[in-house]
Amino acid sequence: MALIPDIADAVVAALNGHTFSQTFTAARAYRPVFDLQEMKDLRVTAVPKGVELTTAGRGLAQSDLQIDIGVQKKLTTADNAEIDALMGLVQEIVEFIRATGRFGGTSWMKTENTPVYSQEHLSELRQFTSVLTLTLRVMTA
């Protein structure tokens, strides 16, 4: 079975190999904490989150791996247009992940985006933050 950091790297490579409506370079991190000054540029970060291992049948194991993808940017205006564009990018990423379906030997199972953005970051930092949680499955003997 591939290790979860390898899968997160595969997700990063796929994101960086695709053209989205906004330009970014995705990176993997264990602790995605950035200085507010660093948030002027759009940041997309993949973070290994969890592994659930279960029996899938005689001699077969099922591993569900969770990877968080954070989309963050310090807002330059207080209007909806900038947030709408970032929400659109999050939706593009969701659709890309679903359409790609396979990352480092895993199969995409689902993507969660709840809540769709952090109200706390928006009000306290004037920063857009949205976190997608991917569940990817790998079967091993």
N, C-alpha and C. Protein backbone atom coordinates (compact mmCIF):
# COMPACT_ATOMS: atom_id res chain seq x y z
N MET A 1 0.84 -1.18 0.00
CA MET A 1 0.00 0.00 0.00
C MET A 1 0.88 1.24 0.00
N ALA A 2 0.53 2.19 -0.80
CA ALA A 2 1.25 3.47 -0.82
C ALA A 2 0.97 4.22 0.47
N LEU A 3 1.97 4.92 0.94
CA LEU A 3 1.81 5.72 2.15
C LEU A 3 1.01 6.97 1.84
N ILE A 4 0.30 7.46 2.84
CA ILE A 4 -0.56 8.63 2.64
C ILE A 4 0.23 9.86 2.15
N PRO A 5 1.50 10.09 2.58
CA PRO A 5 2.23 11.23 2.00
C PRO A 5 2.45 11.06 0.49
N ASP A 6 2.66 9.81 0.04
CA ASP A 6 2.82 9.56 -1.40
C ASP A 6 1.54 9.88 -2.16
N ILE A 7 0.42 9.55 -1.57
CA ILE A 7 -0.87 9.84 -2.21
C ILE A 7 -1.10 11.35 -2.24
N ALA A 8 -0.78 12.03 -1.14
CA ALA A 8 -0.92 13.50 -1.12
C ALA A 8 -0.03 14.12 -2.19
N ASP A 9 1.18 13.58 -2.37
CA ASP A 9 2.07 14.08 -3.43
C ASP A 9 1.47 13.84 -4.81
N ALA A 10 0.80 12.70 -5.00
CA ALA A 10 0.16 12.41 -6.28
C ALA A 10 -0.98 13.40 -6.55
N VAL A 11 -1.72 13.76 -5.52
CA VAL A 11 -2.80 14.75 -5.66
C VAL A 11 -2.19 16.10 -6.03
N VAL A 12 -1.11 16.49 -5.36
CA VAL A 12 -0.42 17.76 -5.66
C VAL A 12 0.06 17.77 -7.11
N ALA A 13 0.68 16.69 -7.54
CA ALA A 13 1.19 16.62 -8.92
C ALA A 13 0.05 16.75 -9.93
N ALA A 14 -1.08 16.10 -9.65
CA ALA A 14 -2.23 16.20 -10.56
C ALA A 14 -2.76 17.62 -10.61
N LEU A 15 -2.90 18.27 -9.45
CA LEU A 15 -3.37 19.65 -9.42
C LEU A 15 -2.43 20.57 -10.18
N ASN A 16 -1.13 20.39 -9.99
CA ASN A 16 -0.15 21.24 -10.65
C ASN A 16 -0.04 20.97 -12.14
N GLY A 17 -0.50 19.80 -12.58
CA GLY A 17 -0.45 19.47 -14.00
C GLY A 17 -1.70 19.89 -14.77
N HIS A 18 -2.63 20.53 -14.10
CA HIS A 18 -3.88 20.94 -14.72
C HIS A 18 -3.98 22.47 -14.75
N THR A 19 -4.68 23.00 -15.72
CA THR A 19 -4.88 24.45 -15.80
C THR A 19 -6.26 24.79 -15.24
N PHE A 20 -6.26 25.64 -14.23
CA PHE A 20 -7.50 26.11 -13.60
C PHE A 20 -7.73 27.57 -13.97
N SER A 21 -8.86 28.12 -13.59
CA SER A 21 -9.19 29.51 -13.91
C SER A 21 -8.28 30.51 -13.18
N GLN A 22 -7.69 30.08 -12.07
CA GLN A 22 -6.74 30.92 -11.34
C GLN A 22 -5.43 30.15 -11.20
N THR A 23 -4.34 30.87 -11.27
CA THR A 23 -3.02 30.24 -11.23
C THR A 23 -2.58 30.01 -9.79
N PHE A 24 -2.07 28.80 -9.54
CA PHE A 24 -1.50 28.47 -8.23
C PHE A 24 -0.52 27.31 -8.41
N THR A 25 0.33 27.14 -7.43
CA THR A 25 1.19 25.97 -7.35
C THR A 25 0.85 25.27 -6.04
N ALA A 26 0.26 24.10 -6.15
CA ALA A 26 -0.12 23.34 -4.96
C ALA A 26 1.14 22.78 -4.30
N ALA A 27 1.05 22.57 -2.99
CA ALA A 27 2.16 22.00 -2.22
C ALA A 27 1.58 21.09 -1.15
N ARG A 28 2.41 20.15 -0.67
CA ARG A 28 2.00 19.29 0.44
C ARG A 28 2.61 19.84 1.72
N ALA A 29 1.86 19.79 2.81
CA ALA A 29 2.36 20.26 4.09
C ALA A 29 1.72 19.44 5.20
N TYR A 30 2.41 19.33 6.32
CA TYR A 30 1.82 18.70 7.50
C TYR A 30 1.18 19.74 8.40
N ARG A 31 1.70 20.94 8.35
CA ARG A 31 1.19 22.02 9.20
C ARG A 31 1.04 23.28 8.35
N PRO A 32 -0.10 23.43 7.69
CA PRO A 32 -0.29 24.55 6.77
C PRO A 32 -0.64 25.86 7.49
N VAL A 33 0.31 26.36 8.24
CA VAL A 33 0.13 27.62 8.95
C VAL A 33 1.02 28.65 8.29
N PHE A 34 0.42 29.74 7.84
CA PHE A 34 1.16 30.75 7.10
C PHE A 34 0.96 32.11 7.76
N ASP A 35 1.94 32.96 7.61
CA ASP A 35 1.86 34.34 8.05
C ASP A 35 0.83 35.04 7.16
N LEU A 36 0.06 35.93 7.71
CA LEU A 36 -0.98 36.61 6.94
C LEU A 36 -0.39 37.33 5.73
N GLN A 37 0.83 37.84 5.85
CA GLN A 37 1.49 38.50 4.72
C GLN A 37 1.71 37.53 3.55
N GLU A 38 1.93 36.25 3.86
CA GLU A 38 2.14 35.24 2.83
C GLU A 38 0.85 34.89 2.08
N MET A 39 -0.27 35.32 2.58
CA MET A 39 -1.56 34.93 2.02
C MET A 39 -2.03 35.85 0.90
N LYS A 40 -1.21 36.83 0.51
CA LYS A 40 -1.58 37.69 -0.62
C LYS A 40 -1.73 36.88 -1.89
N ASP A 41 -0.89 35.84 -2.02
CA ASP A 41 -0.97 34.94 -3.17
C ASP A 41 -1.88 33.76 -2.83
N LEU A 42 -2.56 33.26 -3.82
CA LEU A 42 -3.43 32.10 -3.65
C LEU A 42 -2.59 30.89 -3.24
N ARG A 43 -3.03 30.21 -2.19
CA ARG A 43 -2.34 29.00 -1.70
C ARG A 43 -3.29 27.81 -1.77
N VAL A 44 -2.78 26.72 -2.34
CA VAL A 44 -3.50 25.45 -2.36
C VAL A 44 -2.57 24.43 -1.74
N THR A 45 -3.03 23.82 -0.64
CA THR A 45 -2.17 22.95 0.14
C THR A 45 -2.87 21.61 0.38
N ALA A 46 -2.14 20.51 0.13
CA ALA A 46 -2.64 19.16 0.41
C ALA A 46 -2.04 18.69 1.73
N VAL A 47 -2.90 18.21 2.62
CA VAL A 47 -2.48 17.79 3.95
C VAL A 47 -2.98 16.37 4.21
N PRO A 48 -2.08 15.42 4.46
CA PRO A 48 -2.54 14.08 4.83
C PRO A 48 -3.38 14.17 6.10
N LYS A 49 -4.56 13.54 6.10
CA LYS A 49 -5.47 13.70 7.23
C LYS A 49 -5.73 12.41 8.00
N GLY A 50 -6.03 11.32 7.31
CA GLY A 50 -6.38 10.10 8.04
C GLY A 50 -6.39 8.88 7.16
N VAL A 51 -6.36 7.72 7.83
CA VAL A 51 -6.43 6.43 7.15
C VAL A 51 -7.38 5.54 7.94
N GLU A 52 -8.30 4.89 7.24
CA GLU A 52 -9.18 3.91 7.85
C GLU A 52 -8.97 2.59 7.14
N LEU A 53 -8.55 1.58 7.86
CA LEU A 53 -8.26 0.27 7.30
C LEU A 53 -9.33 -0.71 7.76
N THR A 54 -9.97 -1.39 6.80
CA THR A 54 -11.00 -2.38 7.12
C THR A 54 -10.80 -3.63 6.28
N THR A 55 -11.43 -4.70 6.69
CA THR A 55 -11.40 -5.93 5.92
C THR A 55 -12.43 -5.82 4.80
N ALA A 56 -12.00 -6.14 3.59
CA ALA A 56 -12.90 -6.06 2.45
C ALA A 56 -13.32 -7.45 1.96
N GLY A 57 -12.74 -8.46 2.50
CA GLY A 57 -13.05 -9.83 2.09
C GLY A 57 -11.91 -10.74 2.51
N ARG A 58 -12.00 -11.99 2.16
CA ARG A 58 -10.98 -12.96 2.54
C ARG A 58 -9.62 -12.52 1.97
N GLY A 59 -8.73 -12.15 2.88
CA GLY A 59 -7.37 -11.77 2.48
C GLY A 59 -7.27 -10.44 1.77
N LEU A 60 -8.31 -9.62 1.84
CA LEU A 60 -8.31 -8.34 1.14
C LEU A 60 -8.58 -7.21 2.13
N ALA A 61 -7.72 -6.20 2.09
CA ALA A 61 -7.87 -5.05 2.99
C ALA A 61 -8.27 -3.82 2.17
N GLN A 62 -9.12 -3.01 2.76
CA GLN A 62 -9.54 -1.76 2.14
C GLN A 62 -9.02 -0.62 2.99
N SER A 63 -8.28 0.29 2.36
CA SER A 63 -7.79 1.48 3.06
C SER A 63 -8.45 2.70 2.45
N ASP A 64 -9.14 3.47 3.28
CA ASP A 64 -9.71 4.74 2.85
C ASP A 64 -8.80 5.83 3.41
N LEU A 65 -8.19 6.58 2.51
CA LEU A 65 -7.25 7.63 2.87
C LEU A 65 -7.94 8.98 2.73
N GLN A 66 -7.71 9.85 3.68
CA GLN A 66 -8.28 11.20 3.60
C GLN A 66 -7.15 12.21 3.43
N ILE A 67 -7.34 13.08 2.45
CA ILE A 67 -6.42 14.18 2.16
C ILE A 67 -7.24 15.46 2.20
N ASP A 68 -6.80 16.43 2.98
CA ASP A 68 -7.44 17.75 2.96
C ASP A 68 -6.73 18.62 1.93
N ILE A 69 -7.51 19.36 1.17
CA ILE A 69 -6.97 20.36 0.25
C ILE A 69 -7.49 21.71 0.70
N GLY A 70 -6.58 22.56 1.13
CA GLY A 70 -6.94 23.90 1.57
C GLY A 70 -6.75 24.90 0.44
N VAL A 71 -7.71 25.77 0.25
CA VAL A 71 -7.64 26.87 -0.72
C VAL A 71 -7.75 28.15 0.09
N GLN A 72 -6.69 28.97 0.07
CA GLN A 72 -6.65 30.16 0.92
C GLN A 72 -6.09 31.36 0.17
N LYS A 73 -6.66 32.51 0.49
CA LYS A 73 -6.15 33.76 -0.07
C LYS A 73 -6.66 34.94 0.75
N LYS A 74 -5.77 35.89 1.01
CA LYS A 74 -6.14 37.15 1.65
C LYS A 74 -6.93 37.96 0.64
N LEU A 75 -8.09 38.45 1.04
CA LEU A 75 -8.94 39.21 0.13
C LEU A 75 -8.43 40.63 -0.03
N THR A 76 -8.58 41.16 -1.22
CA THR A 76 -8.15 42.54 -1.49
C THR A 76 -9.31 43.51 -1.44
N THR A 77 -10.54 42.99 -1.56
CA THR A 77 -11.73 43.84 -1.51
C THR A 77 -12.75 43.20 -0.57
N ALA A 78 -13.78 43.92 -0.30
CA ALA A 78 -14.84 43.39 0.58
C ALA A 78 -16.07 42.99 -0.22
N ASP A 79 -15.96 42.95 -1.56
CA ASP A 79 -17.15 42.62 -2.34
C ASP A 79 -17.24 41.11 -2.61
N ASN A 80 -18.40 40.71 -3.07
CA ASN A 80 -18.67 39.29 -3.32
C ASN A 80 -17.92 38.73 -4.52
N ALA A 81 -17.54 39.57 -5.48
CA ALA A 81 -16.94 39.08 -6.72
C ALA A 81 -15.66 38.28 -6.46
N GLU A 82 -14.81 38.75 -5.57
CA GLU A 82 -13.55 38.04 -5.29
C GLU A 82 -13.83 36.70 -4.60
N ILE A 83 -14.77 36.69 -3.68
CA ILE A 83 -15.13 35.43 -3.00
C ILE A 83 -15.81 34.48 -3.98
N ASP A 84 -16.68 35.01 -4.84
CA ASP A 84 -17.34 34.17 -5.85
C ASP A 84 -16.32 33.48 -6.74
N ALA A 85 -15.28 34.20 -7.15
CA ALA A 85 -14.24 33.62 -8.00
C ALA A 85 -13.49 32.50 -7.27
N LEU A 86 -13.22 32.70 -5.98
CA LEU A 86 -12.54 31.67 -5.19
C LEU A 86 -13.45 30.46 -4.98
N MET A 87 -14.74 30.70 -4.73
CA MET A 87 -15.69 29.60 -4.61
C MET A 87 -15.77 28.82 -5.93
N GLY A 88 -15.70 29.55 -7.04
CA GLY A 88 -15.68 28.89 -8.35
C GLY A 88 -14.46 28.02 -8.52
N LEU A 89 -13.30 28.49 -8.06
CA LEU A 89 -12.07 27.70 -8.14
C LEU A 89 -12.21 26.43 -7.30
N VAL A 90 -12.76 26.54 -6.10
CA VAL A 90 -12.97 25.36 -5.26
C VAL A 90 -13.84 24.34 -6.00
N GLN A 91 -14.90 24.81 -6.66
CA GLN A 91 -15.76 23.91 -7.42
C GLN A 91 -15.00 23.27 -8.59
N GLU A 92 -14.14 24.04 -9.25
CA GLU A 92 -13.31 23.48 -10.33
C GLU A 92 -12.43 22.35 -9.81
N ILE A 93 -11.84 22.56 -8.64
CA ILE A 93 -10.97 21.54 -8.04
C ILE A 93 -11.78 20.29 -7.72
N VAL A 94 -12.98 20.47 -7.15
CA VAL A 94 -13.86 19.34 -6.85
C VAL A 94 -14.14 18.54 -8.12
N GLU A 95 -14.51 19.23 -9.19
CA GLU A 95 -14.85 18.56 -10.45
C GLU A 95 -13.63 17.88 -11.06
N PHE A 96 -12.45 18.51 -10.96
CA PHE A 96 -11.21 17.93 -11.47
C PHE A 96 -10.87 16.64 -10.72
N ILE A 97 -10.97 16.67 -9.40
CA ILE A 97 -10.67 15.49 -8.58
C ILE A 97 -11.59 14.34 -8.96
N ARG A 98 -12.88 14.62 -9.07
CA ARG A 98 -13.85 13.58 -9.44
C ARG A 98 -13.56 13.02 -10.82
N ALA A 99 -13.29 13.90 -11.78
CA ALA A 99 -13.04 13.46 -13.15
C ALA A 99 -11.73 12.68 -13.28
N THR A 100 -10.72 13.06 -12.50
CA THR A 100 -9.43 12.37 -12.57
C THR A 100 -9.56 10.98 -11.95
N GLY A 101 -10.15 10.91 -10.77
CA GLY A 101 -10.53 9.64 -10.17
C GLY A 101 -9.45 8.78 -9.56
N ARG A 102 -8.21 8.84 -10.04
CA ARG A 102 -7.16 7.95 -9.54
C ARG A 102 -5.91 8.77 -9.23
N PHE A 103 -5.37 8.51 -8.05
CA PHE A 103 -4.17 9.19 -7.60
C PHE A 103 -3.26 8.18 -6.91
N GLY A 104 -2.10 7.91 -7.50
CA GLY A 104 -1.13 7.02 -6.88
C GLY A 104 -1.68 5.65 -6.51
N GLY A 105 -2.47 5.04 -7.38
CA GLY A 105 -2.99 3.71 -7.12
C GLY A 105 -4.29 3.68 -6.31
N THR A 106 -4.85 4.84 -6.01
CA THR A 106 -6.11 4.90 -5.28
C THR A 106 -7.26 5.21 -6.23
N SER A 107 -8.46 5.02 -5.75
CA SER A 107 -9.66 5.41 -6.50
C SER A 107 -10.42 6.43 -5.67
N TRP A 108 -10.89 7.48 -6.34
CA TRP A 108 -11.67 8.52 -5.67
C TRP A 108 -13.00 7.94 -5.21
N MET A 109 -13.36 8.24 -3.96
CA MET A 109 -14.64 7.79 -3.42
C MET A 109 -15.59 8.96 -3.19
N LYS A 110 -15.08 10.04 -2.56
CA LYS A 110 -15.95 11.19 -2.33
C LYS A 110 -15.11 12.41 -1.97
N THR A 111 -15.75 13.57 -2.07
CA THR A 111 -15.16 14.84 -1.65
C THR A 111 -16.17 15.56 -0.79
N GLU A 112 -15.73 16.01 0.37
CA GLU A 112 -16.58 16.79 1.27
C GLU A 112 -16.06 18.22 1.34
N ASN A 113 -16.97 19.18 1.45
CA ASN A 113 -16.60 20.60 1.56
C ASN A 113 -17.58 21.27 2.52
N THR A 114 -17.44 20.90 3.80
CA THR A 114 -18.34 21.41 4.83
C THR A 114 -17.55 21.98 5.99
N PRO A 115 -17.71 23.23 6.29
CA PRO A 115 -18.45 24.27 5.57
C PRO A 115 -17.69 24.65 4.29
N VAL A 116 -18.36 25.34 3.39
CA VAL A 116 -17.74 25.67 2.11
C VAL A 116 -16.65 26.73 2.24
N TYR A 117 -16.68 27.49 3.33
CA TYR A 117 -15.60 28.44 3.63
C TYR A 117 -15.63 28.73 5.13
N SER A 118 -14.53 29.24 5.65
CA SER A 118 -14.43 29.56 7.07
C SER A 118 -14.94 30.98 7.31
N GLN A 119 -16.06 31.08 8.00
CA GLN A 119 -16.60 32.40 8.34
C GLN A 119 -15.67 33.14 9.30
N GLU A 120 -14.99 32.39 10.19
CA GLU A 120 -14.07 33.01 11.14
C GLU A 120 -12.90 33.68 10.41
N HIS A 121 -12.31 32.97 9.46
CA HIS A 121 -11.19 33.55 8.71
C HIS A 121 -11.65 34.78 7.92
N LEU A 122 -12.85 34.69 7.38
CA LEU A 122 -13.38 35.80 6.59
C LEU A 122 -13.59 37.04 7.45
N SER A 123 -14.18 36.87 8.62
CA SER A 123 -14.48 38.04 9.45
C SER A 123 -13.27 38.53 10.24
N GLU A 124 -12.43 37.62 10.74
CA GLU A 124 -11.31 38.03 11.59
C GLU A 124 -10.04 38.38 10.81
N LEU A 125 -9.80 37.68 9.69
CA LEU A 125 -8.55 37.88 8.94
C LEU A 125 -8.77 38.48 7.56
N ARG A 126 -10.03 38.58 7.15
CA ARG A 126 -10.38 38.96 5.77
C ARG A 126 -9.65 38.04 4.78
N GLN A 127 -9.72 36.76 5.12
CA GLN A 127 -9.05 35.73 4.33
C GLN A 127 -10.07 34.66 3.95
N PHE A 128 -10.05 34.26 2.68
CA PHE A 128 -10.89 33.16 2.22
C PHE A 128 -10.16 31.86 2.53
N THR A 129 -10.84 30.93 3.19
CA THR A 129 -10.30 29.60 3.46
C THR A 129 -11.40 28.59 3.21
N SER A 130 -11.12 27.64 2.33
CA SER A 130 -12.04 26.54 2.08
C SER A 130 -11.23 25.25 2.13
N VAL A 131 -11.79 24.22 2.76
CA VAL A 131 -11.08 22.95 2.88
C VAL A 131 -11.94 21.83 2.29
N LEU A 132 -11.34 21.13 1.33
CA LEU A 132 -11.96 19.95 0.74
C LEU A 132 -11.35 18.73 1.41
N THR A 133 -12.16 17.75 1.77
CA THR A 133 -11.64 16.49 2.29
C THR A 133 -11.92 15.41 1.26
N LEU A 134 -10.84 14.88 0.68
CA LEU A 134 -10.95 13.80 -0.31
C LEU A 134 -10.87 12.47 0.41
N THR A 135 -11.69 11.52 0.00
CA THR A 135 -11.55 10.15 0.46
C THR A 135 -11.18 9.32 -0.76
N LEU A 136 -10.02 8.70 -0.66
CA LEU A 136 -9.47 7.88 -1.75
C LEU A 136 -9.29 6.46 -1.22
N ARG A 137 -9.61 5.47 -2.04
CA ARG A 137 -9.58 4.08 -1.59
C ARG A 137 -8.52 3.28 -2.34
N VAL A 138 -7.86 2.42 -1.58
CA VAL A 138 -6.92 1.47 -2.16
C VAL A 138 -7.20 0.10 -1.56
N MET A 139 -7.20 -0.93 -2.39
CA MET A 139 -7.42 -2.31 -1.96
C MET A 139 -6.09 -3.05 -2.04
N THR A 140 -5.77 -3.81 -0.99
CA THR A 140 -4.53 -4.58 -0.97
C THR A 140 -4.79 -5.99 -0.48
N ALA A 141 -3.95 -6.88 -0.90
CA ALA A 141 -4.06 -8.28 -0.48
C ALA A 141 -3.32 -8.50 0.82
